[in-house]
C-alpha atoms as a PDB file:
ATOM      1  CA  MET A   1      -0.089  -0.110  -0.016  1.00  0.00           C
ATOM      2  CA  SER A   2       1.336   3.558  -0.865  1.00  0.00           C
ATOM      3  CA  THR A   3       0.283   7.021   0.412  1.00  0.00           C
ATOM      4  CA  ILE A   4       0.022  10.392  -1.036  1.00  0.00           C
ATOM      5  CA  VAL A   5       2.729  12.793  -0.320  1.00  0.00           C
ATOM      6  CA  ARG A   6       2.255  16.341  -0.974  1.00  0.00           C
ATOM      7  CA  LYS A   7       4.470  19.386  -1.000  1.00  0.00           C
ATOM      8  CA  ALA A   8       3.837  21.798   1.664  1.00  0.00           C
ATOM      9  CA  LEU A   9       7.179  23.434   2.710  1.00  0.00           C
ATOM     10  CA  PRO A  10      10.731  23.732   1.512  1.00  0.00           C
ATOM     11  CA  TRP A  11      12.619  20.894   3.271  1.00  0.00           C
ATOM     12  CA  THR A  12      14.727  23.320   5.415  1.00  0.00           C
ATOM     13  CA  MET A  13      11.637  24.305   7.141  1.00  0.00           C
ATOM     14  CA  LEU A  14      10.457  20.792   7.618  1.00  0.00           C
ATOM     15  CA  LEU A  15      13.576  19.821   9.581  1.00  0.00           C
ATOM     16  CA  ALA A  16      12.157  21.867  12.483  1.00  0.00           C
ATOM     17  CA  VAL A  17       9.106  19.395  12.671  1.00  0.00           C
ATOM     18  CA  LEU A  18      10.806  16.241  12.480  1.00  0.00           C
ATOM     19  CA  ALA A  19      10.456  15.540  16.158  1.00  0.00           C
ATOM     20  CA  ALA A  20       6.740  15.581  15.828  1.00  0.00           C
ATOM     21  CA  VAL A  21       6.846  13.189  12.989  1.00  0.00           C
ATOM     22  CA  SER A  22       5.962   9.713  14.193  1.00  0.00           C
ATOM     23  CA  LEU A  23       8.576   6.959  13.184  1.00  0.00           C
ATOM     24  CA  GLY A  24       5.501   4.677  12.877  1.00  0.00           C
ATOM     25  CA  VAL A  25       4.133   5.737   9.714  1.00  0.00           C
ATOM     26  CA  VAL A  26       3.230   2.627   7.806  1.00  0.00           C
ATOM     27  CA  MET A  27       3.625   2.796   4.021  1.00  0.00           C
ATOM     28  CA  SER A  28       3.234  -0.858   3.091  1.00  0.00           C
ATOM     29  CA  SER A  29       0.725  -3.433   4.115  1.00  0.00           C
ATOM     30  CA  GLY A  30       1.625  -6.214   6.684  1.00  0.00           C
ATOM     31  CA  SER A  31       1.748  -6.656  10.372  1.00  0.00           C
ATOM     32  CA  LYS A  32       3.416  -4.612  12.868  1.00  0.00           C
ATOM     33  CA  GLY A  33       7.000  -5.310  13.283  1.00  0.00           C
ATOM     34  CA  ASN A  34       7.435  -7.210   9.849  1.00  0.00           C
ATOM     35  CA  THR A  35      10.105  -5.236   7.955  1.00  0.00           C
ATOM     36  CA  SER A  36      10.781  -7.216   5.261  1.00  0.00           C
ATOM     37  CA  ILE A  37       9.385  -7.580   1.880  1.00  0.00           C
ATOM     38  CA  VAL A  38       9.988 -10.591  -0.398  1.00  0.00           C
ATOM     39  CA  THR A  39      12.245  -9.768  -3.251  1.00  0.00           C
ATOM     40  CA  SER A  40      12.581 -11.472  -6.601  1.00  0.00           C
ATOM     41  CA  SER A  41      15.844 -12.682  -7.735  1.00  0.00           C
ATOM     42  CA  GLU A  42      15.154 -10.710 -10.990  1.00  0.00           C
ATOM     43  CA  LEU A  43      14.946  -7.268  -8.953  1.00  0.00           C
ATOM     44  CA  GLY A  44      17.750  -4.915  -8.372  1.00  0.00           C
ATOM     45  CA  GLY A  45      20.904  -4.684 -10.512  1.00  0.00           C
ATOM     46  CA  ASP A  46      23.362  -1.832 -11.548  1.00  0.00           C
ATOM     47  CA  PHE A  47      22.000   1.550 -12.225  1.00  0.00           C
ATOM     48  CA  SER A  48      23.569   5.177 -13.293  1.00  0.00           C
ATOM     49  CA  LEU A  49      22.263   8.469 -12.215  1.00  0.00           C
ATOM     50  CA  ARG A  50      24.063  11.633 -11.339  1.00  0.00           C
ATOM     51  CA  ASN A  51      24.684  13.905  -8.426  1.00  0.00           C
ATOM     52  CA  ILE A  52      26.592  17.032  -7.932  1.00  0.00           C
ATOM     53  CA  ASP A  53      29.840  15.750  -8.756  1.00  0.00           C
ATOM     54  CA  GLY A  54      29.018  13.854 -11.957  1.00  0.00           C
ATOM     55  CA  LYS A  55      27.858  10.222 -12.868  1.00  0.00           C
ATOM     56  CA  VAL A  56      26.927   7.685 -10.052  1.00  0.00           C
ATOM     57  CA  THR A  57      26.709   3.985 -10.598  1.00  0.00           C
ATOM     58  CA  LEU A  58      25.782   1.398  -8.103  1.00  0.00           C
ATOM     59  CA  SER A  59      28.958  -0.431  -9.144  1.00  0.00           C
ATOM     60  CA  ASP A  60      31.078   2.471  -7.811  1.00  0.00           C
ATOM     61  CA  TYR A  61      30.328   1.118  -4.460  1.00  0.00           C
ATOM     62  CA  GLN A  62      31.201  -2.436  -5.174  1.00  0.00           C
ATOM     63  CA  GLY A  63      32.458  -3.866  -2.203  1.00  0.00           C
ATOM     64  CA  LYS A  64      30.184  -1.779   0.133  1.00  0.00           C
ATOM     65  CA  VAL A  65      26.621  -2.364   1.673  1.00  0.00           C
ATOM     66  CA  VAL A  66      24.507   0.165  -0.187  1.00  0.00           C
ATOM     67  CA  VAL A  67      21.037   1.238   1.053  1.00  0.00           C
ATOM     68  CA  VAL A  68      18.815   2.930  -1.860  1.00  0.00           C
ATOM     69  CA  TYR A  69      15.772   4.972  -1.122  1.00  0.00           C
ATOM     70  CA  PHE A  70      13.235   6.641  -3.650  1.00  0.00           C
ATOM     71  CA  GLY A  71      11.873  10.139  -2.602  1.00  0.00           C
ATOM     72  CA  PHE A  72      11.698  13.783  -3.022  1.00  0.00           C
ATOM     73  CA  LEU A  73      12.713  16.810  -1.297  1.00  0.00           C
ATOM     74  CA  SER A  74       9.399  18.476  -1.001  1.00  0.00           C
ATOM     75  CA  CYS A  75       8.089  15.484   0.544  1.00  0.00           C
ATOM     76  CA  PRO A  76       6.357  16.865   3.630  1.00  0.00           C
ATOM     77  CA  GLU A  77       6.540  13.832   6.305  1.00  0.00           C
ATOM     78  CA  VAL A  78       7.592  10.480   4.918  1.00  0.00           C
ATOM     79  CA  CYS A  79      10.776  11.186   3.211  1.00  0.00           C
ATOM     80  CA  PRO A  80      12.340  13.357   6.078  1.00  0.00           C
ATOM     81  CA  THR A  81      11.364  10.560   8.556  1.00  0.00           C
ATOM     82  CA  SER A  82      13.017   7.959   6.482  1.00  0.00           C
ATOM     83  CA  MET A  83      16.031   9.956   6.171  1.00  0.00           C
ATOM     84  CA  SER A  84      15.956  10.368   9.871  1.00  0.00           C
ATOM     85  CA  VAL A  85      15.661   6.616  10.238  1.00  0.00           C
ATOM     86  CA  LEU A  86      18.364   5.897   7.778  1.00  0.00           C
ATOM     87  CA  LYS A  87      20.751   8.387   9.663  1.00  0.00           C
ATOM     88  CA  ARG A  88      20.164   6.870  13.114  1.00  0.00           C
ATOM     89  CA  SER A  89      20.776   3.424  11.479  1.00  0.00           C
ATOM     90  CA  LEU A  90      24.210   4.475  10.132  1.00  0.00           C
ATOM     91  CA  GLU A  91      25.118   6.024  13.443  1.00  0.00           C
ATOM     92  CA  ILE A  92      24.616   2.401  15.226  1.00  0.00           C
ATOM     93  CA  LEU A  93      27.261   0.901  13.006  1.00  0.00           C
ATOM     94  CA  THR A  94      30.824   0.517  14.050  1.00  0.00           C
ATOM     95  CA  PRO A  95      33.431   2.712  12.411  1.00  0.00           C
ATOM     96  CA  SER A  96      34.816  -0.115  10.294  1.00  0.00           C
ATOM     97  CA  GLN A  97      31.097  -1.176   9.090  1.00  0.00           C
ATOM     98  CA  LEU A  98      30.299   2.561   8.464  1.00  0.00           C
ATOM     99  CA  GLU A  99      33.263   3.073   6.233  1.00  0.00           C
ATOM    100  CA  LYS A 100      31.906   0.175   4.032  1.00  0.00           C
ATOM    101  CA  THR A 101      28.268   1.278   3.753  1.00  0.00           C
ATOM    102  CA  GLN A 102      26.894   3.895   1.397  1.00  0.00           C
ATOM    103  CA  ALA A 103      23.416   5.239   1.523  1.00  0.00           C
ATOM    104  CA  ILE A 104      21.570   6.771  -1.913  1.00  0.00           C
ATOM    105  CA  MET A 105      18.728   8.637  -2.133  1.00  0.00           C
ATOM    106  CA  VAL A 106      17.062   8.636  -5.708  1.00  0.00           C
ATOM    107  CA  SER A 107      15.028  11.709  -6.320  1.00  0.00           C
ATOM    108  CA  ILE A 108      11.974  10.728  -8.372  1.00  0.00           C
ATOM    109  CA  ASP A 109      11.590  14.820  -8.747  1.00  0.00           C
ATOM    110  CA  PRO A 110      14.297  15.917 -10.919  1.00  0.00           C
ATOM    111  CA  GLN A 111      12.267  18.993 -12.324  1.00  0.00           C
ATOM    112  CA  ARG A 112      12.251  20.630  -8.863  1.00  0.00           C
ATOM    113  CA  ASP A 113      15.316  18.627  -7.115  1.00  0.00           C
ATOM    114  CA  GLY A 114      18.433  20.352  -8.341  1.00  0.00           C
ATOM    115  CA  PHE A 115      21.949  18.608  -7.611  1.00  0.00           C
ATOM    116  CA  GLN A 116      22.781  21.374  -4.997  1.00  0.00           C
ATOM    117  CA  ASP A 117      19.619  20.986  -3.107  1.00  0.00           C
ATOM    118  CA  LEU A 118      20.077  17.212  -3.029  1.00  0.00           C
ATOM    119  CA  ALA A 119      23.634  17.436  -1.685  1.00  0.00           C
ATOM    120  CA  ASP A 120      22.562  19.843   0.958  1.00  0.00           C
ATOM    121  CA  PHE A 121      19.560  17.759   1.941  1.00  0.00           C
ATOM    122  CA  THR A 122      21.524  14.418   2.327  1.00  0.00           C
ATOM    123  CA  ARG A 123      24.520  16.027   3.839  1.00  0.00           C
ATOM    124  CA  TYR A 124      22.388  17.272   6.580  1.00  0.00           C
ATOM    125  CA  TYR A 125      21.387  13.766   7.710  1.00  0.00           C
ATOM    126  CA  HIS A 126      24.883  12.131   7.145  1.00  0.00           C
ATOM    127  CA  ASP A 127      28.050  12.150   5.054  1.00  0.00           C
ATOM    128  CA  ASN A 128      27.514   8.664   3.945  1.00  0.00           C
ATOM    129  CA  ILE A 129      24.020   9.508   2.093  1.00  0.00           C
ATOM    130  CA  ILE A 130      24.250  11.149  -1.313  1.00  0.00           C
ATOM    131  CA  GLY A 131      21.332  12.273  -3.374  1.00  0.00           C
ATOM    132  CA  VAL A 132      21.048  11.345  -7.180  1.00  0.00           C
ATOM    133  CA  THR A 133      18.579  12.008  -9.756  1.00  0.00           C
ATOM    134  CA  GLY A 134      18.265  11.847 -13.602  1.00  0.00           C
ATOM    135  CA  SER A 135      15.745  11.944 -16.421  1.00  0.00           C
ATOM    136  CA  VAL A 136      12.015  10.972 -15.589  1.00  0.00           C
ATOM    137  CA  ASP A 137      12.730   7.816 -17.776  1.00  0.00           C
ATOM    138  CA  GLU A 138      15.555   6.952 -16.258  1.00  0.00           C
ATOM    139  CA  ILE A 139      14.240   6.888 -12.809  1.00  0.00           C
ATOM    140  CA  GLN A 140      11.146   5.111 -13.975  1.00  0.00           C
ATOM    141  CA  HIS A 141      13.233   2.449 -15.235  1.00  0.00           C
ATOM    142  CA  ILE A 142      15.338   1.978 -12.222  1.00  0.00           C
ATOM    143  CA  ALA A 143      12.037   2.309  -9.903  1.00  0.00           C
ATOM    144  CA  GLU A 144      10.592  -0.568 -11.993  1.00  0.00           C
ATOM    145  CA  GLN A 145      14.036  -2.378 -11.574  1.00  0.00           C
ATOM    146  CA  TYR A 146      13.886  -2.531  -8.061  1.00  0.00           C
ATOM    147  CA  GLY A 147       9.968  -2.734  -7.510  1.00  0.00           C
ATOM    148  CA  ALA A 148       9.611   0.565  -6.378  1.00  0.00           C
ATOM    149  CA  PHE A 149       6.377   2.637  -7.206  1.00  0.00           C
ATOM    150  CA  PHE A 150       5.570   6.462  -7.902  1.00  0.00           C
ATOM    151  CA  GLU A 151       3.474   8.634  -9.910  1.00  0.00           C
ATOM    152  CA  ILE A 152       2.421  12.221 -10.164  1.00  0.00           C
ATOM    153  CA  THR A 153      -0.696  13.093  -8.408  1.00  0.00           C
ATOM    154  CA  GLU A 154      -2.630  16.561  -7.927  1.00  0.00           C
ATOM    155  CA  SER A 155      -1.560  18.608  -5.201  1.00  0.00           C
ATOM    156  CA  GLU A 156      -3.777  20.115  -2.716  1.00  0.00           C
ATOM    157  CA  SER A 157      -1.104  22.709  -1.638  1.00  0.00           C
ATOM    158  CA  VAL A 158      -1.422  26.046  -3.438  1.00  0.00           C
ATOM    159  CA  GLU A 159       2.312  26.083  -3.561  1.00  0.00           C
ATOM    160  CA  SER A 160       2.679  23.202  -6.139  1.00  0.00           C
ATOM    161  CA  ALA A 161       0.558  21.947  -8.935  1.00  0.00           C
ATOM    162  CA  TYR A 162       1.626  18.446  -8.360  1.00  0.00           C
ATOM    163  CA  ALA A 163       2.785  16.032  -5.756  1.00  0.00           C
ATOM    164  CA  TYR A 164       3.757  12.328  -5.668  1.00  0.00           C
ATOM    165  CA  ARG A 165       2.312   9.129  -4.549  1.00  0.00           C
ATOM    166  CA  HIS A 166       5.109   6.866  -3.919  1.00  0.00           C
ATOM    167  CA  SER A 167       6.297   3.533  -2.068  1.00  0.00           C
ATOM    168  CA  SER A 168       8.623   4.142   0.698  1.00  0.00           C
ATOM    169  CA  ARG A 169      11.368   1.209   1.271  1.00  0.00           C
ATOM    170  CA  TYR A 170      14.941   0.678   1.981  1.00  0.00           C
ATOM    171  CA  TYR A 171      16.468  -1.365  -0.579  1.00  0.00           C
ATOM    172  CA  VAL A 172      19.545  -3.134   1.131  1.00  0.00           C
ATOM    173  CA  ILE A 173      22.026  -4.284  -1.376  1.00  0.00           C
ATOM    174  CA  ASN A 174      25.342  -6.382  -0.451  1.00  0.00           C
ATOM    175  CA  GLN A 175      28.696  -6.030  -1.551  1.00  0.00           C
ATOM    176  CA  SER A 176      28.367  -7.791  -4.694  1.00  0.00           C
ATOM    177  CA  GLY A 177      25.574  -5.463  -5.848  1.00  0.00           C
ATOM    178  CA  LYS A 178      22.909  -7.947  -5.197  1.00  0.00           C
ATOM    179  CA  LEU A 179      19.478  -6.643  -3.714  1.00  0.00           C
ATOM    180  CA  VAL A 180      19.116  -8.767  -0.564  1.00  0.00           C
ATOM    181  CA  GLN A 181      16.031  -7.232   0.968  1.00  0.00           C
ATOM    182  CA  ALA A 182      13.423  -4.499   0.784  1.00  0.00           C
ATOM    183  CA  MET A 183      12.552  -3.125   4.238  1.00  0.00           C
ATOM    184  CA  ARG A 184       9.224  -1.456   4.951  1.00  0.00           C
ATOM    185  CA  HIS A 185       8.775   2.266   5.945  1.00  0.00           C
ATOM    186  CA  SER A 186       8.035   1.024   9.527  1.00  0.00           C
ATOM    187  CA  THR A 187      11.503  -0.344   9.938  1.00  0.00           C
ATOM    188  CA  THR A 188      13.286   1.100  12.828  1.00  0.00           C
ATOM    189  CA  PRO A 189      17.044   2.202  12.902  1.00  0.00           C
ATOM    190  CA  ASN A 190      17.997  -0.705  14.875  1.00  0.00           C
ATOM    191  CA  GLU A 191      16.284  -2.965  12.559  1.00  0.00           C
ATOM    192  CA  LEU A 192      18.036  -1.580   9.551  1.00  0.00           C
ATOM    193  CA  ALA A 193      21.315  -1.588  11.286  1.00  0.00           C
ATOM    194  CA  ALA A 194      21.106  -5.035  12.356  1.00  0.00           C
ATOM    195  CA  ARG A 195      20.275  -6.129   8.629  1.00  0.00           C
ATOM    196  CA  ILE A 196      23.309  -4.208   7.531  1.00  0.00           C
ATOM    197  CA  LYS A 197      25.504  -5.835  10.202  1.00  0.00           C
ATOM    198  CA  THR A 198      24.178  -9.307   9.299  1.00  0.00           C
ATOM    199  CA  ILE A 199      25.406  -8.831   5.744  1.00  0.00           C
ATOM    200  CA  PHE A 200      29.094  -8.014   7.039  1.00  0.00           C
ATOM    201  CA  LYS A 201      28.742 -11.017   9.223  1.00  0.00           C
ATOM    202  CA  ASP A 202      27.535 -13.384   6.418  1.00  0.00           C
ATOM    203  CA  ALA A 203      30.467 -11.971   4.166  1.00  0.00           C
ATOM    204  CA  ILE A 204      33.037 -12.940   6.827  1.00  0.00           C
ATOM    205  CA  LYS A 205      31.622 -16.577   7.046  1.00  0.00           C
ATOM    206  CA  ASP A 206      31.562 -16.900   3.278  1.00  0.00           C
ATOM    207  CA  SER A 207      35.183 -15.672   2.947  1.00  0.00           C
ATOM    208  CA  PRO A 208      37.868 -18.199   2.242  1.00  0.00           C
ATOM    209  CA  ALA A 209      39.699 -19.436   5.464  1.00  0.00           C
END
């Protein structure tokens, strides 16, 4: 299940109300506490978009655990809440784990989300989060590639002619670039951090003696 997200205020103003936003907003159906979404072996894979520094591909982070999130900067509640969860999960990791973890926010709103704004937004939360975007066709292709959903919908705000309805999930990718799990919006920082830690532990167990 998805929810409608509408532009209300610039993201810089939204930061002041994050404390009032519940971390329990549920974007996908399922029982409480169930953070996992079954992923198909056909989902995931490499992709190429751009950030303020130029071209960014998933393969750039080969050897790291990557968490991908699809959202947009004028999202009033859901995306800032998700970024806050992501930030806190990164802070739980050990320094060595953090060094080998990268988070990527894919903006689904390239017409309004500029590279500098994306860089400022993601950097506010954590240095290990970057913001990328591309053409509408590129983003749609990558969303379908990962099983994500978004569509433009009419906005009720006088400040914007349109908003987005979109899924809210954390796509967790292992060091080989394989999508291993899509975690629901209701995922807690501890649960997301634990999933990342498990990938590191599995890599150690699978490494040659």
